[in-house]
Amino acid sequence: MQFTMDSDPIILSSMAAQEPELTADQVQAMYEYKVPVLAAGAACSLKKELAPEPFKLAEALGLTGDYSELTSHSETARLWRLKLVVDELAAATKADWVGVYRSTTSKSSGGPVLLKEAYIGRPSRAEFPLTEEFAKNSNNSTVGLFGKAVLVEDTKTYEGPYYMCDGEVRSEYCTPIVHPTSGAVLGIIDAEAFAPNHFTADVVKQIDSVCAGLASCGLMTPTPA
């Protein structure tokens, strides 16, 4: 993984952190997370009903074997550092939910998706289809498809494409992680707050800085399964 000394401080801190010796249970917690039941039209259930089975991120990444075999896998180290980034960014911006999604191909549908690889906050859907049809009702998919940030100052008055998964969210900032040379959208950062107008110019600048760091540090590039 490569990164420059002018990278964002959150990225530098996460890249420099000493990796701990993880147990199989800790690794399982990284690779499995709760997701909401999807209602009609693939929207989240606003009754906050959770699916009976967690999402298996290891399977989505094409990893095999039990979790004890993944304790020293390079993908585990990558996801551990991504989680550090998410946790530090949430603390710095005081956002109520922060997640990093990577652009990839879904193992289940075979189509292009944004795959949630690290997050902090309430359960949310694991994949967002990267199609123009889904983007009509999803700011995440819109950002992932077209590479332009979307700022929702107040969900009560916002008129653009919006995917409602948590009725308490009042403001949101979703921005692409763009490769510095190719211009390809590697993924997105999605940040949400329960208060309107949370994402001020300073908060937006901080999230954009982390996006730039993620685009060049190697954390958005998975290693072979």
Protein backbone atom coordinates (compact mmCIF):
# COMPACT_ATOMS: atom_id res chain seq x y z
CA MET A 1 0.00 0.00 0.00
CA GLN A 2 1.32 3.40 -0.94
CA PHE A 3 0.49 6.77 0.50
CA THR A 4 2.19 10.15 0.54
CA MET A 5 3.16 12.22 3.54
CA ASP A 6 0.69 14.93 2.56
CA SER A 7 -2.19 12.49 2.98
CA ASP A 8 -5.08 13.20 5.31
CA PRO A 9 -4.10 12.80 9.01
CA ILE A 10 -6.85 10.24 9.59
CA ILE A 11 -5.46 8.15 6.73
CA LEU A 12 -1.90 8.52 8.04
CA SER A 13 -2.98 7.47 11.53
CA SER A 14 -4.87 4.43 10.25
CA MET A 15 -2.03 3.32 7.97
CA ALA A 16 0.55 3.68 10.73
CA ALA A 17 -1.46 1.83 13.40
CA GLN A 18 -0.03 -1.47 14.59
CA GLU A 19 -2.25 -4.37 13.58
CA PRO A 20 -3.40 -6.39 16.58
CA GLU A 21 -3.52 -10.17 16.76
CA LEU A 22 -7.19 -10.81 16.06
CA THR A 23 -9.16 -13.77 17.33
CA ALA A 24 -11.52 -15.75 15.11
CA ASP A 25 -14.49 -14.12 16.90
CA GLN A 26 -13.13 -10.64 16.21
CA VAL A 27 -12.60 -11.53 12.56
CA GLN A 28 -16.14 -12.88 12.32
CA ALA A 29 -17.45 -9.56 13.66
CA MET A 30 -15.59 -7.79 10.84
CA TYR A 31 -16.93 -10.07 8.12
CA GLU A 32 -20.55 -10.37 9.27
CA TYR A 33 -22.96 -7.53 9.95
CA LYS A 34 -26.67 -7.10 10.49
CA VAL A 35 -28.79 -5.74 7.64
CA PRO A 36 -32.40 -4.55 7.52
CA VAL A 37 -35.19 -6.40 5.81
CA LEU A 38 -35.72 -5.00 2.32
CA ALA A 39 -39.26 -3.89 1.59
CA ALA A 40 -40.97 -3.63 -1.81
CA GLY A 41 -38.80 -1.99 -4.43
CA ALA A 42 -35.65 -3.02 -2.52
CA ALA A 43 -36.13 -0.22 0.01
CA CYS A 44 -35.16 -0.77 3.63
CA SER A 45 -37.88 -1.63 6.08
CA LEU A 46 -38.62 1.54 8.02
CA LYS A 47 -39.90 -0.60 10.88
CA LYS A 48 -36.21 -1.30 11.62
CA GLU A 49 -36.80 -5.01 11.13
CA LEU A 50 -33.53 -6.90 10.73
CA ALA A 51 -32.96 -9.82 8.38
CA PRO A 52 -32.71 -13.18 10.20
CA GLU A 53 -29.20 -13.78 8.86
CA PRO A 54 -26.27 -11.33 8.81
CA PHE A 55 -24.61 -10.25 5.59
CA LYS A 56 -21.52 -12.37 4.90
CA LEU A 57 -18.86 -9.94 3.69
CA ALA A 58 -16.28 -12.72 3.34
CA GLU A 59 -18.46 -14.44 0.74
CA ALA A 60 -19.00 -11.14 -1.08
CA LEU A 61 -15.22 -10.77 -1.27
CA GLY A 62 -14.77 -14.30 -2.56
CA LEU A 63 -12.99 -15.51 0.57
CA THR A 64 -13.26 -19.12 1.68
CA GLY A 65 -12.37 -21.04 4.81
CA ASP A 66 -13.35 -20.46 8.41
CA TYR A 67 -12.65 -17.26 10.29
CA SER A 68 -9.64 -18.68 12.11
CA GLU A 69 -7.97 -18.96 8.70
CA LEU A 70 -8.69 -15.31 7.94
CA THR A 71 -7.03 -13.88 11.05
CA SER A 72 -3.79 -13.25 9.14
CA HIS A 73 -5.30 -12.66 5.68
CA SER A 74 -4.33 -9.42 3.93
CA GLU A 75 -8.01 -8.61 3.36
CA THR A 76 -8.60 -8.75 7.10
CA ALA A 77 -5.80 -6.22 7.61
CA ARG A 78 -7.27 -3.98 4.90
CA LEU A 79 -10.75 -4.07 6.42
CA TRP A 80 -9.36 -3.47 9.90
CA ARG A 81 -7.66 -0.28 8.69
CA LEU A 82 -10.79 0.82 6.83
CA LYS A 83 -12.73 0.47 10.07
CA LEU A 84 -10.16 2.67 11.82
CA VAL A 85 -10.70 5.32 9.13
CA VAL A 86 -14.47 5.16 9.55
CA ASP A 87 -14.33 5.34 13.35
CA GLU A 88 -11.91 8.28 13.36
CA LEU A 89 -13.88 10.16 10.71
CA ALA A 90 -17.14 9.71 12.60
CA ALA A 91 -15.52 11.00 15.78
CA ALA A 92 -13.96 13.98 14.01
CA THR A 93 -17.13 15.03 12.17
CA LYS A 94 -19.63 14.01 14.89
CA ALA A 95 -21.69 12.23 12.25
CA ASP A 96 -24.16 9.61 13.48
CA TRP A 97 -23.40 7.16 10.68
CA VAL A 98 -20.37 6.79 8.42
CA GLY A 99 -19.66 4.07 5.91
CA VAL A 100 -17.18 3.24 3.15
CA TYR A 101 -18.48 1.41 0.10
CA ARG A 102 -16.29 0.00 -2.68
CA SER A 103 -17.30 -0.28 -6.33
CA THR A 104 -17.23 -3.95 -7.32
CA THR A 105 -19.22 -6.77 -8.92
CA SER A 106 -21.83 -8.49 -6.76
CA LYS A 107 -21.16 -12.17 -6.15
CA SER A 108 -24.92 -12.79 -5.91
CA SER A 109 -26.37 -10.73 -8.77
CA GLY A 110 -23.34 -10.47 -11.04
CA GLY A 111 -24.00 -6.77 -11.55
CA PRO A 112 -22.03 -3.68 -10.51
CA VAL A 113 -22.65 -2.56 -6.94
CA LEU A 114 -21.36 -0.47 -4.08
CA LEU A 115 -20.34 -2.95 -1.37
CA LYS A 116 -20.30 -1.75 2.25
CA GLU A 117 -16.90 -2.76 3.66
CA ALA A 118 -16.71 -0.71 6.87
CA TYR A 119 -19.16 1.40 8.83
CA ILE A 120 -20.19 2.74 12.21
CA GLY A 121 -23.81 3.27 13.21
CA ARG A 122 -27.11 1.51 12.77
CA PRO A 123 -27.58 -1.49 10.44
CA SER A 124 -28.08 -0.59 6.78
CA ARG A 125 -28.16 -2.38 3.44
CA ALA A 126 -24.97 -4.05 2.27
CA GLU A 127 -25.06 -3.37 -1.47
CA PHE A 128 -26.35 -0.58 -3.67
CA PRO A 129 -26.80 -1.49 -7.36
CA LEU A 130 -24.82 0.76 -9.69
CA THR A 131 -27.54 1.15 -12.29
CA GLU A 132 -29.28 4.23 -13.62
CA GLU A 133 -32.63 2.75 -12.64
CA PHE A 134 -31.65 2.32 -8.98
CA ALA A 135 -29.93 5.71 -8.98
CA LYS A 136 -33.30 7.35 -9.62
CA ASN A 137 -34.08 6.75 -5.94
CA SER A 138 -30.62 6.48 -4.39
CA ASN A 139 -28.09 9.21 -3.77
CA ASN A 140 -25.45 6.54 -3.02
CA SER A 141 -25.89 4.90 -6.41
CA THR A 142 -26.00 8.32 -8.08
CA VAL A 143 -22.65 9.26 -6.56
CA GLY A 144 -21.15 5.87 -7.36
CA LEU A 145 -22.30 6.03 -10.98
CA PHE A 146 -21.52 9.63 -11.86
CA GLY A 147 -18.72 10.56 -9.44
CA LYS A 148 -20.29 13.76 -8.15
CA ALA A 149 -20.89 14.46 -4.46
CA VAL A 150 -24.42 14.91 -3.12
CA LEU A 151 -25.18 17.08 -0.09
CA VAL A 152 -28.57 16.71 1.56
CA GLU A 153 -28.97 19.57 3.99
CA ASP A 154 -32.40 18.45 5.16
CA THR A 155 -34.12 15.22 4.16
CA LYS A 156 -37.50 16.82 4.84
CA THR A 157 -37.05 19.31 2.02
CA TYR A 158 -34.60 17.54 -0.31
CA GLU A 159 -36.05 16.89 -3.79
CA GLY A 160 -33.29 14.83 -5.43
CA PRO A 161 -32.85 11.04 -5.54
CA TYR A 162 -32.87 9.77 -1.96
CA TYR A 163 -32.83 6.29 -0.44
CA MET A 164 -34.54 6.32 2.96
CA CYS A 165 -33.30 3.59 5.30
CA ASP A 166 -33.50 5.41 8.64
CA GLY A 167 -36.36 7.83 9.23
CA GLU A 168 -34.34 9.70 11.87
CA VAL A 169 -31.65 10.83 9.42
CA ARG A 170 -32.05 14.52 8.67
CA SER A 171 -28.88 15.37 6.70
CA GLU A 172 -26.36 13.46 4.64
CA TYR A 173 -23.19 13.92 2.63
CA CYS A 174 -22.22 11.32 0.06
CA THR A 175 -19.03 11.77 -1.93
CA PRO A 176 -16.99 9.66 -4.37
CA ILE A 177 -13.55 8.16 -3.84
CA VAL A 178 -11.92 8.87 -7.19
CA HIS A 179 -8.65 7.37 -8.43
CA PRO A 180 -6.11 10.22 -8.71
CA THR A 181 -4.89 9.32 -12.19
CA SER A 182 -7.55 7.23 -13.96
CA GLY A 183 -10.53 9.14 -12.59
CA ALA A 184 -12.37 5.88 -11.89
CA VAL A 185 -14.83 5.89 -9.01
CA LEU A 186 -13.34 3.41 -6.53
CA GLY A 187 -16.20 3.79 -4.08
CA ILE A 188 -17.92 6.33 -1.84
CA ILE A 189 -18.04 7.65 1.68
CA ASP A 190 -21.55 8.12 3.00
CA ALA A 191 -22.08 10.15 6.18
CA GLU A 192 -25.40 10.81 7.91
CA ALA A 193 -26.59 12.89 10.85
CA PHE A 194 -29.79 13.02 12.86
CA ALA A 195 -29.74 16.84 12.78
CA PRO A 196 -30.43 18.97 9.67
CA ASN A 197 -27.63 21.06 8.19
CA HIS A 198 -24.97 19.04 10.00
CA PHE A 199 -22.58 18.94 7.05
CA THR A 200 -21.06 22.40 7.08
CA ALA A 201 -18.32 23.48 4.69
CA ASP A 202 -15.66 22.46 7.22
CA VAL A 203 -17.17 19.00 7.76
CA VAL A 204 -17.52 18.46 4.01
CA LYS A 205 -13.88 19.49 3.53
CA GLN A 206 -12.77 16.97 6.14
CA ILE A 207 -14.70 14.12 4.51
CA ASP A 208 -13.38 15.09 1.07
CA SER A 209 -9.84 15.00 2.46
CA VAL A 210 -10.33 11.45 3.72
CA CYS A 211 -11.75 10.45 0.32
CA ALA A 212 -8.63 11.77 -1.40
CA GLY A 213 -6.46 9.83 1.02
CA LEU A 214 -8.41 6.61 0.51
CA ALA A 215 -8.08 6.99 -3.25
CA SER A 216 -4.30 6.82 -3.07
CA CYS A 217 -3.39 4.79 0.03
CA GLY A 218 -4.33 1.35 -1.27
CA LEU A 219 -7.20 0.59 1.12
CA MET A 220 -9.71 0.60 -1.74
CA THR A 221 -7.82 -2.14 -3.58
CA PRO A 222 -8.65 -5.67 -2.40
CA THR A 223 -6.06 -8.43 -2.47
CA PRO A 224 -6.72 -11.70 -4.30
CA ALA A 225 -8.89 -14.18 -2.43
